[in-house]
């Protein structure tokens, strides 16, 4: 792969709405070029005789229960009861009804 140019870095900076000086553009281009060449070197060193790891990602059971029994999402968010109502029912010691009573 060819070297990362300052024009490419300038274009990325404009897309990200980041103002960079010429010195910063040159420094960033050099750093990105090192990163890209390191990644190319890594991709060349991967050998097929190394077995894949036996560990697979698994959801924790608490996450599965949370996601499985959740109320229907509204605007891609979880809909939960207000904290005051939850505190009153789940933790009576925090109930507003028992405040001041011992």
PDB file of N, CA and C in Angstrom:
ATOM      1  N   UNK A   1       0.849  -1.182   0.000  1.00  0.00           N
ATOM      2  CA  UNK A   1       0.000   0.000   0.000  1.00  0.00           C
ATOM      3  C   UNK A   1       0.888   1.237   0.000  1.00  0.00           C
ATOM      4  N   UNK A   2       0.407   2.274  -0.636  1.00  0.00           N
ATOM      5  CA  UNK A   2       1.196   3.501  -0.722  1.00  0.00           C
ATOM      6  C   UNK A   2       1.167   4.251   0.607  1.00  0.00           C
ATOM      7  N   UNK A   3       2.068   5.176   0.721  1.00  0.00           N
ATOM      8  CA  UNK A   3       2.178   5.960   1.952  1.00  0.00           C
ATOM      9  C   UNK A   3       0.958   6.866   2.115  1.00  0.00           C
ATOM     10  N   UNK A   4       0.634   7.154   3.355  1.00  0.00           N
ATOM     11  CA  UNK A   4      -0.461   8.073   3.654  1.00  0.00           C
ATOM     12  C   UNK A   4       0.020   9.488   3.356  1.00  0.00           C
ATOM     13  N   UNK A   5      -0.746  10.208   2.569  1.00  0.00           N
ATOM     14  CA  UNK A   5      -0.349  11.564   2.187  1.00  0.00           C
ATOM     15  C   UNK A   5      -0.991  12.595   3.108  1.00  0.00           C
ATOM     16  N   UNK A   6      -0.411  13.784   3.102  1.00  0.00           N
ATOM     17  CA  UNK A   6      -0.981  14.866   3.910  1.00  0.00           C
ATOM     18  C   UNK A   6      -2.343  15.287   3.376  1.00  0.00           C
ATOM     19  N   UNK A   7      -2.556  15.111   2.062  1.00  0.00           N
ATOM     20  CA  UNK A   7      -3.862  15.440   1.488  1.00  0.00           C
ATOM     21  C   UNK A   7      -4.942  14.511   2.036  1.00  0.00           C
ATOM     22  N   UNK A   8      -4.607  13.238   2.196  1.00  0.00           N
ATOM     23  CA  UNK A   8      -5.562  12.290   2.764  1.00  0.00           C
ATOM     24  C   UNK A   8      -5.874  12.634   4.221  1.00  0.00           C
ATOM     25  N   UNK A   9      -4.845  12.993   4.969  1.00  0.00           N
ATOM     26  CA  UNK A   9      -5.051  13.368   6.369  1.00  0.00           C
ATOM     27  C   UNK A   9      -5.864  14.655   6.451  1.00  0.00           C
ATOM     28  N   UNK A  10      -5.584  15.598   5.561  1.00  0.00           N
ATOM     29  CA  UNK A  10      -6.338  16.851   5.539  1.00  0.00           C
ATOM     30  C   UNK A  10      -7.803  16.582   5.231  1.00  0.00           C
ATOM     31  N   UNK A  11      -8.067  15.678   4.300  1.00  0.00           N
ATOM     32  CA  UNK A  11      -9.446  15.319   3.959  1.00  0.00           C
ATOM     33  C   UNK A  11     -10.152  14.696   5.161  1.00  0.00           C
ATOM     34  N   UNK A  12      -9.475  13.784   5.856  1.00  0.00           N
ATOM     35  CA  UNK A  12     -10.061  13.173   7.051  1.00  0.00           C
ATOM     36  C   UNK A  12     -10.305  14.210   8.143  1.00  0.00           C
ATOM     37  N   UNK A  13      -9.375  15.145   8.293  1.00  0.00           N
ATOM     38  CA  UNK A  13      -9.546  16.196   9.298  1.00  0.00           C
ATOM     39  C   UNK A  13     -10.750  17.070   8.968  1.00  0.00           C
ATOM     40  N   UNK A  14     -10.953  17.352   7.692  1.00  0.00           N
ATOM     41  CA  UNK A  14     -12.119  18.139   7.288  1.00  0.00           C
ATOM     42  C   UNK A  14     -13.413  17.376   7.552  1.00  0.00           C
ATOM     43  N   UNK A  15     -13.411  16.080   7.271  1.00  0.00           N
ATOM     44  CA  UNK A  15     -14.604  15.276   7.541  1.00  0.00           C
ATOM     45  C   UNK A  15     -14.925  15.242   9.033  1.00  0.00           C
ATOM     46  N   UNK A  16     -13.880  15.196   9.853  1.00  0.00           N
ATOM     47  CA  UNK A  16     -14.064  15.155  11.306  1.00  0.00           C
ATOM     48  C   UNK A  16     -14.197  16.556  11.899  1.00  0.00           C
ATOM     49  N   UNK A  17     -14.103  17.568  11.045  1.00  0.00           N
ATOM     50  CA  UNK A  17     -14.187  18.970  11.468  1.00  0.00           C
ATOM     51  C   UNK A  17     -13.123  19.305  12.512  1.00  0.00           C
ATOM     52  N   UNK A  18     -11.910  18.883  12.201  1.00  0.00           N
ATOM     53  CA  UNK A  18     -10.758  19.156  13.060  1.00  0.00           C
ATOM     54  C   UNK A  18      -9.817  20.083  12.300  1.00  0.00           C
ATOM     55  N   UNK A  19      -9.449  21.182  12.930  1.00  0.00           N
ATOM     56  CA  UNK A  19      -8.490  22.096  12.318  1.00  0.00           C
ATOM     57  C   UNK A  19      -7.084  21.632  12.666  1.00  0.00           C
ATOM     58  N   UNK A  20      -6.248  21.500  11.632  1.00  0.00           N
ATOM     59  CA  UNK A  20      -4.870  21.059  11.841  1.00  0.00           C
ATOM     60  C   UNK A  20      -3.934  21.951  11.050  1.00  0.00           C
ATOM     61  N   UNK A  21      -2.781  22.245  11.642  1.00  0.00           N
ATOM     62  CA  UNK A  21      -1.756  23.017  10.940  1.00  0.00           C
ATOM     63  C   UNK A  21      -1.002  22.073   9.997  1.00  0.00           C
ATOM     64  N   UNK A  22      -0.167  22.658   9.153  1.00  0.00           N
ATOM     65  CA  UNK A  22       0.628  21.841   8.228  1.00  0.00           C
ATOM     66  C   UNK A  22       1.571  20.909   8.977  1.00  0.00           C
ATOM     67  N   UNK A  23       2.156  21.407  10.069  1.00  0.00           N
ATOM     68  CA  UNK A  23       3.050  20.556  10.868  1.00  0.00           C
ATOM     69  C   UNK A  23       2.285  19.376  11.462  1.00  0.00           C
ATOM     70  N   UNK A  24       1.084  19.638  11.963  1.00  0.00           N
ATOM     71  CA  UNK A  24       0.264  18.564  12.532  1.00  0.00           C
ATOM     72  C   UNK A  24      -0.153  17.564  11.461  1.00  0.00           C
ATOM     73  N   UNK A  25      -0.482  18.071  10.261  1.00  0.00           N
ATOM     74  CA  UNK A  25      -0.854  17.181   9.155  1.00  0.00           C
ATOM     75  C   UNK A  25       0.315  16.274   8.778  1.00  0.00           C
ATOM     76  N   UNK A  26       1.517  16.850   8.692  1.00  0.00           N
ATOM     77  CA  UNK A  26       2.696  16.048   8.346  1.00  0.00           C
ATOM     78  C   UNK A  26       2.986  15.000   9.413  1.00  0.00           C
ATOM     79  N   UNK A  27       2.894  15.401  10.682  1.00  0.00           N
ATOM     80  CA  UNK A  27       3.158  14.463  11.779  1.00  0.00           C
ATOM     81  C   UNK A  27       2.116  13.344  11.792  1.00  0.00           C
ATOM     82  N   UNK A  28       0.850  13.706  11.596  1.00  0.00           N
ATOM     83  CA  UNK A  28      -0.213  12.698  11.598  1.00  0.00           C
ATOM     84  C   UNK A  28      -0.068  11.753  10.416  1.00  0.00           C
ATOM     85  N   UNK A  29       0.321  12.273   9.256  1.00  0.00           N
ATOM     86  CA  UNK A  29       0.524  11.415   8.087  1.00  0.00           C
ATOM     87  C   UNK A  29       1.639  10.408   8.350  1.00  0.00           C
ATOM     88  N   UNK A  30       2.711  10.858   8.987  1.00  0.00           N
ATOM     89  CA  UNK A  30       3.818   9.944   9.302  1.00  0.00           C
ATOM     90  C   UNK A  30       3.378   8.877  10.304  1.00  0.00           C
ATOM     91  N   UNK A  31       2.617   9.278  11.334  1.00  0.00           N
ATOM     92  CA  UNK A  31       2.146   8.316  12.335  1.00  0.00           C
ATOM     93  C   UNK A  31       1.186   7.298  11.720  1.00  0.00           C
ATOM     94  N   UNK A  32       0.260   7.782  10.896  1.00  0.00           N
ATOM     95  CA  UNK A  32      -0.690   6.867  10.257  1.00  0.00           C
ATOM     96  C   UNK A  32       0.011   5.916   9.297  1.00  0.00           C
ATOM     97  N   UNK A  33       1.039   6.401   8.631  1.00  0.00           N
ATOM     98  CA  UNK A  33       1.798   5.535   7.727  1.00  0.00           C
ATOM     99  C   UNK A  33       2.480   4.411   8.499  1.00  0.00           C
ATOM    100  N   UNK A  34       3.016   4.721   9.678  1.00  0.00           N
ATOM    101  CA  UNK A  34       3.634   3.687  10.522  1.00  0.00           C
ATOM    102  C   UNK A  34       2.590   2.668  10.965  1.00  0.00           C
ATOM    103  N   UNK A  35       1.416   3.154  11.354  1.00  0.00           N
ATOM    104  CA  UNK A  35       0.346   2.250  11.808  1.00  0.00           C
ATOM    105  C   UNK A  35      -0.095   1.331  10.680  1.00  0.00           C
ATOM    106  N   UNK A  36      -0.305   1.893   9.489  1.00  0.00           N
ATOM    107  CA  UNK A  36      -0.758   1.087   8.349  1.00  0.00           C
ATOM    108  C   UNK A  36       0.300   0.062   7.962  1.00  0.00           C
ATOM    109  N   UNK A  37       1.557   0.464   7.938  1.00  0.00           N
ATOM    110  CA  UNK A  37       2.605  -0.499   7.575  1.00  0.00           C
ATOM    111  C   UNK A  37       2.738  -1.590   8.633  1.00  0.00           C
ATOM    112  N   UNK A  38       2.530  -1.256   9.907  1.00  0.00           N
ATOM    113  CA  UNK A  38       2.557  -2.276  10.965  1.00  0.00           C
ATOM    114  C   UNK A  38       1.417  -3.268  10.787  1.00  0.00           C
ATOM    115  N   UNK A  39       0.243  -2.779  10.437  1.00  0.00           N
ATOM    116  CA  UNK A  39      -0.902  -3.666  10.215  1.00  0.00           C
ATOM    117  C   UNK A  39      -0.668  -4.559   8.997  1.00  0.00           C
ATOM    118  N   UNK A  40      -0.051  -4.019   7.955  1.00  0.00           N
ATOM    119  CA  UNK A  40       0.275  -4.842   6.789  1.00  0.00           C
ATOM    120  C   UNK A  40       1.256  -5.944   7.174  1.00  0.00           C
ATOM    121  N   UNK A  41       2.234  -5.602   7.989  1.00  0.00           N
ATOM    122  CA  UNK A  41       3.215  -6.593   8.439  1.00  0.00           C
ATOM    123  C   UNK A  41       2.528  -7.689   9.256  1.00  0.00           C
ATOM    124  N   UNK A  42       1.606  -7.305  10.127  1.00  0.00           N
ATOM    125  CA  UNK A  42       0.875  -8.294  10.921  1.00  0.00           C
ATOM    126  C   UNK A  42       0.035  -9.215  10.047  1.00  0.00           C
ATOM    127  N   UNK A  43      -0.606  -8.651   9.033  1.00  0.00           N
ATOM    128  CA  UNK A  43      -1.450  -9.489   8.171  1.00  0.00           C
ATOM    129  C   UNK A  43      -0.617 -10.486   7.370  1.00  0.00           C
ATOM    130  N   UNK A  44       0.640 -10.157   7.110  1.00  0.00           N
ATOM    131  CA  UNK A  44       1.513 -11.083   6.394  1.00  0.00           C
ATOM    132  C   UNK A  44       2.032 -12.194   7.300  1.00  0.00           C
ATOM    133  N   UNK A  45       2.120 -11.944   8.597  1.00  0.00           N
ATOM    134  CA  UNK A  45       2.690 -12.934   9.506  1.00  0.00           C
ATOM    135  C   UNK A  45       1.681 -13.951  10.025  1.00  0.00           C
ATOM    136  N   UNK A  46       0.417 -13.777   9.752  1.00  0.00           N
ATOM    137  CA  UNK A  46      -0.594 -14.733  10.213  1.00  0.00           C
ATOM    138  C   UNK A  46      -0.394 -16.044   9.473  1.00  0.00           C
ATOM    139  N   UNK A  47      -0.298 -17.126  10.234  1.00  0.00           N
ATOM    140  CA  UNK A  47      -0.082 -18.439   9.628  1.00  0.00           C
ATOM    141  C   UNK A  47      -1.293 -19.327   9.858  1.00  0.00           C
ATOM    142  N   UNK A  48      -1.599 -20.202   8.902  1.00  0.00           N
ATOM    143  CA  UNK A  48      -2.783 -21.055   9.039  1.00  0.00           C
ATOM    144  C   UNK A  48      -2.608 -22.194  10.038  1.00  0.00           C
ATOM    145  N   UNK A  49      -1.364 -22.508  10.449  1.00  0.00           N
ATOM    146  CA  UNK A  49      -1.171 -23.634  11.359  1.00  0.00           C
ATOM    147  C   UNK A  49      -1.427 -23.281  12.825  1.00  0.00           C
ATOM    148  N   UNK A  50      -1.705 -22.018  13.109  1.00  0.00           N
ATOM    149  CA  UNK A  50      -2.042 -21.625  14.475  1.00  0.00           C
ATOM    150  C   UNK A  50      -3.542 -21.842  14.669  1.00  0.00           C
ATOM    151  N   UNK A  51      -3.931 -22.659  15.657  1.00  0.00           N
ATOM    152  CA  UNK A  51      -5.360 -22.931  15.842  1.00  0.00           C
ATOM    153  C   UNK A  51      -6.096 -21.710  16.394  1.00  0.00           C
ATOM    154  N   UNK A  52      -7.380 -21.657  16.092  1.00  0.00           N
ATOM    155  CA  UNK A  52      -8.219 -20.587  16.615  1.00  0.00           C
ATOM    156  C   UNK A  52      -8.417 -20.793  18.110  1.00  0.00           C
ATOM    157  N   UNK A  53      -8.618 -19.737  18.849  1.00  0.00           N
ATOM    158  CA  UNK A  53      -8.834 -19.902  20.283  1.00  0.00           C
ATOM    159  C   UNK A  53     -10.120 -20.678  20.557  1.00  0.00           C
ATOM    160  N   UNK A  54     -10.080 -21.505  21.590  1.00  0.00           N
ATOM    161  CA  UNK A  54     -11.240 -22.328  21.931  1.00  0.00           C
ATOM    162  C   UNK A  54     -12.302 -21.530  22.668  1.00  0.00           C
ATOM    163  N   UNK A  55     -11.937 -20.382  23.187  1.00  0.00           N
ATOM    164  CA  UNK A  55     -12.881 -19.574  23.957  1.00  0.00           C
ATOM    165  C   UNK A  55     -13.762 -18.797  22.993  1.00  0.00           C
ATOM    166  N   UNK A  56     -15.056 -18.871  23.234  1.00  0.00           N
ATOM    167  CA  UNK A  56     -16.009 -18.103  22.440  1.00  0.00           C
ATOM    168  C   UNK A  56     -16.739 -17.143  23.356  1.00  0.00           C
ATOM    169  N   UNK A  57     -17.169 -16.043  22.783  1.00  0.00           N
ATOM    170  CA  UNK A  57     -17.918 -15.068  23.564  1.00  0.00           C
ATOM    171  C   UNK A  57     -19.287 -15.635  23.893  1.00  0.00           C
ATOM    172  N   UNK A  58     -19.636 -15.545  25.142  1.00  0.00           N
ATOM    173  CA  UNK A  58     -20.966 -15.974  25.577  1.00  0.00           C
ATOM    174  C   UNK A  58     -21.562 -14.873  26.430  1.00  0.00           C
ATOM    175  N   UNK A  59     -22.870 -14.692  26.258  1.00  0.00           N
ATOM    176  CA  UNK A  59     -23.562 -13.731  27.104  1.00  0.00           C
ATOM    177  C   UNK A  59     -23.620 -14.253  28.529  1.00  0.00           C
ATOM    178  N   UNK A  60     -23.484 -13.369  29.481  1.00  0.00           N
ATOM    179  CA  UNK A  60     -23.738 -13.752  30.861  1.00  0.00           C
ATOM    180  C   UNK A  60     -25.231 -14.022  30.996  1.00  0.00           C
ATOM    181  N   UNK A  61     -25.608 -14.924  31.887  1.00  0.00           N
ATOM    182  CA  UNK A  61     -27.030 -15.254  32.039  1.00  0.00           C
ATOM    183  C   UNK A  61     -27.826 -14.042  32.484  1.00  0.00           C
ATOM    184  N   UNK A  62     -27.229 -13.165  33.279  1.00  0.00           N
ATOM    185  CA  UNK A  62     -27.960 -11.973  33.711  1.00  0.00           C
ATOM    186  C   UNK A  62     -28.267 -11.067  32.522  1.00  0.00           C
ATOM    187  N   UNK A  63     -27.349 -10.985  31.553  1.00  0.00           N
ATOM    188  CA  UNK A  63     -27.595 -10.165  30.360  1.00  0.00           C
ATOM    189  C   UNK A  63     -28.698 -10.768  29.509  1.00  0.00           C
ATOM    190  N   UNK A  64     -28.680 -12.082  29.366  1.00  0.00           N
ATOM    191  CA  UNK A  64     -29.709 -12.743  28.562  1.00  0.00           C
ATOM    192  C   UNK A  64     -31.070 -12.533  29.203  1.00  0.00           C
ATOM    193  N   UNK A  65     -31.158 -12.693  30.526  1.00  0.00           N
ATOM    194  CA  UNK A  65     -32.433 -12.483  31.213  1.00  0.00           C
ATOM    195  C   UNK A  65     -32.899 -11.046  31.052  1.00  0.00           C
ATOM    196  N   UNK A  66     -31.976 -10.104  31.170  1.00  0.00           N
ATOM    197  CA  UNK A  66     -32.340  -8.702  31.043  1.00  0.00           C
ATOM    198  C   UNK A  66     -32.874  -8.408  29.642  1.00  0.00           C
ATOM    199  N   UNK A  67     -32.207  -8.922  28.626  1.00  0.00           N
ATOM    200  CA  UNK A  67     -32.624  -8.652  27.257  1.00  0.00           C
ATOM    201  C   UNK A  67     -33.871  -9.433  26.873  1.00  0.00           C
ATOM    202  N   UNK A  68     -34.022 -10.650  27.391  1.00  0.00           N
ATOM    203  CA  UNK A  68     -35.154 -11.485  27.013  1.00  0.00           C
ATOM    204  C   UNK A  68     -36.449 -10.965  27.614  1.00  0.00           C
ATOM    205  N   UNK A  69     -36.434 -10.559  28.870  1.00  0.00           N
ATOM    206  CA  UNK A  69     -37.660 -10.155  29.544  1.00  0.00           C
ATOM    207  C   UNK A  69     -37.902  -8.665  29.564  1.00  0.00           C
ATOM    208  N   UNK A  70     -37.220  -7.931  28.721  1.00  0.00           N
ATOM    209  CA  UNK A  70     -37.354  -6.478  28.755  1.00  0.00           C
ATOM    210  C   UNK A  70     -38.698  -6.041  28.191  1.00  0.00           C
ATOM    211  N   UNK A  71     -39.206  -4.899  28.646  1.00  0.00           N
ATOM    212  CA  UNK A  71     -40.406  -4.355  28.024  1.00  0.00           C
ATOM    213  C   UNK A  71     -40.082  -3.904  26.604  1.00  0.00           C
ATOM    214  N   UNK A  72     -41.089  -3.707  25.821  1.00  0.00           N
ATOM    215  CA  UNK A  72     -40.847  -3.338  24.426  1.00  0.00           C
ATOM    216  C   UNK A  72     -40.077  -2.022  24.366  1.00  0.00           C
ATOM    217  N   UNK A  73     -39.079  -1.975  23.503  1.00  0.00           N
ATOM    218  CA  UNK A  73     -38.266  -0.759  23.439  1.00  0.00           C
ATOM    219  C   UNK A  73     -39.034   0.393  22.804  1.00  0.00           C
ATOM    220  N   UNK A  74     -38.750   1.576  23.268  1.00  0.00           N
ATOM    221  CA  UNK A  74     -39.352   2.778  22.712  1.00  0.00           C
ATOM    222  C   UNK A  74     -38.203   3.669  22.260  1.00  0.00           C
ATOM    223  N   UNK A  75     -38.176   3.966  20.997  1.00  0.00           N
ATOM    224  CA  UNK A  75     -37.106   4.772  20.413  1.00  0.00           C
ATOM    225  C   UNK A  75     -35.743   4.173  20.729  1.00  0.00           C
ATOM    226  N   UNK A  76     -35.624   2.847  20.608  1.00  0.00           N
ATOM    227  CA  UNK A  76     -34.378   2.112  20.787  1.00  0.00           C
ATOM    228  C   UNK A  76     -33.791   2.266  22.189  1.00  0.00           C
ATOM    229  N   UNK A  77     -34.658   2.490  23.175  1.00  0.00           N
ATOM    230  CA  UNK A  77     -34.209   2.593  24.560  1.00  0.00           C
ATOM    231  C   UNK A  77     -35.075   1.684  25.417  1.00  0.00           C
ATOM    232  N   UNK A  78     -34.549   1.289  26.571  1.00  0.00           N
ATOM    233  CA  UNK A  78     -35.342   0.518  27.510  1.00  0.00           C
ATOM    234  C   UNK A  78     -36.325   1.441  28.214  1.00  0.00           C
ATOM    235  N   UNK A  79     -37.520   0.950  28.408  1.00  0.00           N
ATOM    236  CA  UNK A  79     -38.515   1.714  29.138  1.00  0.00           C
ATOM    237  C   UNK A  79     -38.624   1.092  30.528  1.00  0.00           C
ATOM    238  N   UNK A  80     -38.279   1.859  31.541  1.00  0.00           N
ATOM    239  CA  UNK A  80     -38.284   1.358  32.916  1.00  0.00           C
ATOM    240  C   UNK A  80     -39.155   2.267  33.772  1.00  0.00           C
ATOM    241  N   UNK A  81     -39.648   1.755  34.917  1.00  0.00           N
ATOM    242  CA  UNK A  81     -40.456   2.610  35.782  1.00  0.00           C
ATOM    243  C   UNK A  81     -39.605   3.714  36.401  1.00  0.00           C
ATOM    244  N   UNK A  82     -40.231   4.810  36.816  1.00  0.00           N
ATOM    245  CA  UNK A  82     -39.469   5.890  37.456  1.00  0.00           C
ATOM    246  C   UNK A  82     -38.757   5.392  38.704  1.00  0.00           C
ATOM    247  N   UNK A  83     -37.658   6.015  39.050  1.00  0.00           N
ATOM    248  CA  UNK A  83     -36.849   5.584  40.183  1.00  0.00           C
ATOM    249  C   UNK A  83     -37.621   5.632  41.496  1.00  0.00           C
ATOM    250  N   UNK A  84     -38.468   6.627  41.690  1.00  0.00           N
ATOM    251  CA  UNK A  84     -39.203   6.747  42.943  1.00  0.00           C
ATOM    252  C   UNK A  84     -40.109   5.536  43.138  1.00  0.00           C
ATOM    253  N   UNK A  85     -40.812   5.132  42.092  1.00  0.00           N
ATOM    254  CA  UNK A  85     -41.706   3.989  42.189  1.00  0.00           C
ATOM    255  C   UNK A  85     -40.901   2.714  42.436  1.00  0.00           C
ATOM    256  N   UNK A  86     -39.760   2.588  41.770  1.00  0.00           N
ATOM    257  CA  UNK A  86     -38.918   1.410  41.974  1.00  0.00           C
ATOM    258  C   UNK A  86     -38.384   1.371  43.400  1.00  0.00           C
ATOM    259  N   UNK A  87     -37.957   2.507  43.924  1.00  0.00           N
ATOM    260  CA  UNK A  87     -37.403   2.542  45.272  1.00  0.00           C
ATOM    261  C   UNK A  87     -38.473   2.205  46.301  1.00  0.00           C
ATOM    262  N   UNK A  88     -39.699   2.670  46.083  1.00  0.00           N
ATOM    263  CA  UNK A  88     -40.773   2.387  47.035  1.00  0.00           C
ATOM    264  C   UNK A  88     -41.114   0.912  47.075  1.00  0.00           C
ATOM    265  N   UNK A  89     -41.126   0.255  45.924  1.00  0.00           N
ATOM    266  CA  UNK A  89     -41.533  -1.144  45.908  1.00  0.00           C
ATOM    267  C   UNK A  89     -40.377  -2.088  46.226  1.00  0.00           C
ATOM    268  N   UNK A  90     -39.196  -1.776  45.761  1.00  0.00           N
ATOM    269  CA  UNK A  90     -38.077  -2.699  45.930  1.00  0.00           C
ATOM    270  C   UNK A  90     -37.328  -2.489  47.240  1.00  0.00           C
ATOM    271  N   UNK A  91     -37.266  -1.261  47.705  1.00  0.00           N
ATOM    272  CA  UNK A  91     -36.494  -0.958  48.908  1.00  0.00           C
ATOM    273  C   UNK A  91     -37.354  -0.131  49.861  1.00  0.00           C
ATOM    274  N   UNK A  92     -38.120  -0.775  50.731  1.00  0.00           N
ATOM    275  CA  UNK A  92     -39.013  -0.023  51.617  1.00  0.00           C
ATOM    276  C   UNK A  92     -38.276   0.971  52.512  1.00  0.00           C
ATOM    277  N   UNK A  93     -37.011   0.720  52.803  1.00  0.00           N
ATOM    278  CA  UNK A  93     -36.293   1.645  53.669  1.00  0.00           C
ATOM    279  C   UNK A  93     -36.076   2.995  53.000  1.00  0.00           C
ATOM    280  N   UNK A  94     -36.187   3.051  51.661  1.00  0.00           N
ATOM    281  CA  UNK A  94     -36.039   4.310  50.946  1.00  0.00           C
ATOM    282  C   UNK A  94     -37.383   4.914  50.570  1.00  0.00           C
ATOM    283  N   UNK A  95     -38.439   4.330  51.020  1.00  0.00           N
ATOM    284  CA  UNK A  95     -39.772   4.786  50.661  1.00  0.00           C
ATOM    285  C   UNK A  95     -40.020   6.178  51.226  1.00  0.00           C
ATOM    286  N   UNK A  96     -40.682   7.017  50.441  1.00  0.00           N
ATOM    287  CA  UNK A  96     -41.019   8.360  50.910  1.00  0.00           C
ATOM    288  C   UNK A  96     -42.143   8.298  51.930  1.00  0.00           C
ATOM    289  N   UNK A  97     -42.921   7.216  51.935  1.00  0.00           N
ATOM    290  CA  UNK A  97     -44.026   7.084  52.881  1.00  0.00           C
ATOM    291  C   UNK A  97     -43.519   6.841  54.295  1.00  0.00           C
ATOM    292  N   UNK A  98     -42.365   6.212  54.450  1.00  0.00           N
ATOM    293  CA  UNK A  98     -41.851   5.878  55.775  1.00  0.00           C
ATOM    294  C   UNK A  98     -40.848   6.901  56.283  1.00  0.00           C
ATOM    295  N   UNK A  99     -40.648   7.997  55.546  1.00  0.00           N
ATOM    296  CA  UNK A  99     -39.693   9.008  55.981  1.00  0.00           C
ATOM    297  C   UNK A  99     -40.161   9.635  57.286  1.00  0.00           C
ATOM    298  N   UNK A 100     -39.257   9.806  58.190  1.00  0.00           N
ATOM    299  CA  UNK A 100     -39.582  10.438  59.454  1.00  0.00           C
ATOM    300  C   UNK A 100     -40.062   9.458  60.502  1.00  0.00           C
ATOM    301  N   UNK A 101     -40.416   8.236  60.115  1.00  0.00           N
ATOM    302  CA  UNK A 101     -40.859   7.222  61.063  1.00  0.00           C
ATOM    303  C   UNK A 101     -39.683   6.332  61.404  1.00  0.00           C
ATOM    304  N   UNK A 102     -39.572   5.938  62.651  1.00  0.00           N
ATOM    305  CA  UNK A 102     -38.485   5.044  63.048  1.00  0.00           C
ATOM    306  C   UNK A 102     -39.016   3.760  63.602  1.00  0.00           C
TER     307      UNK A 102
END
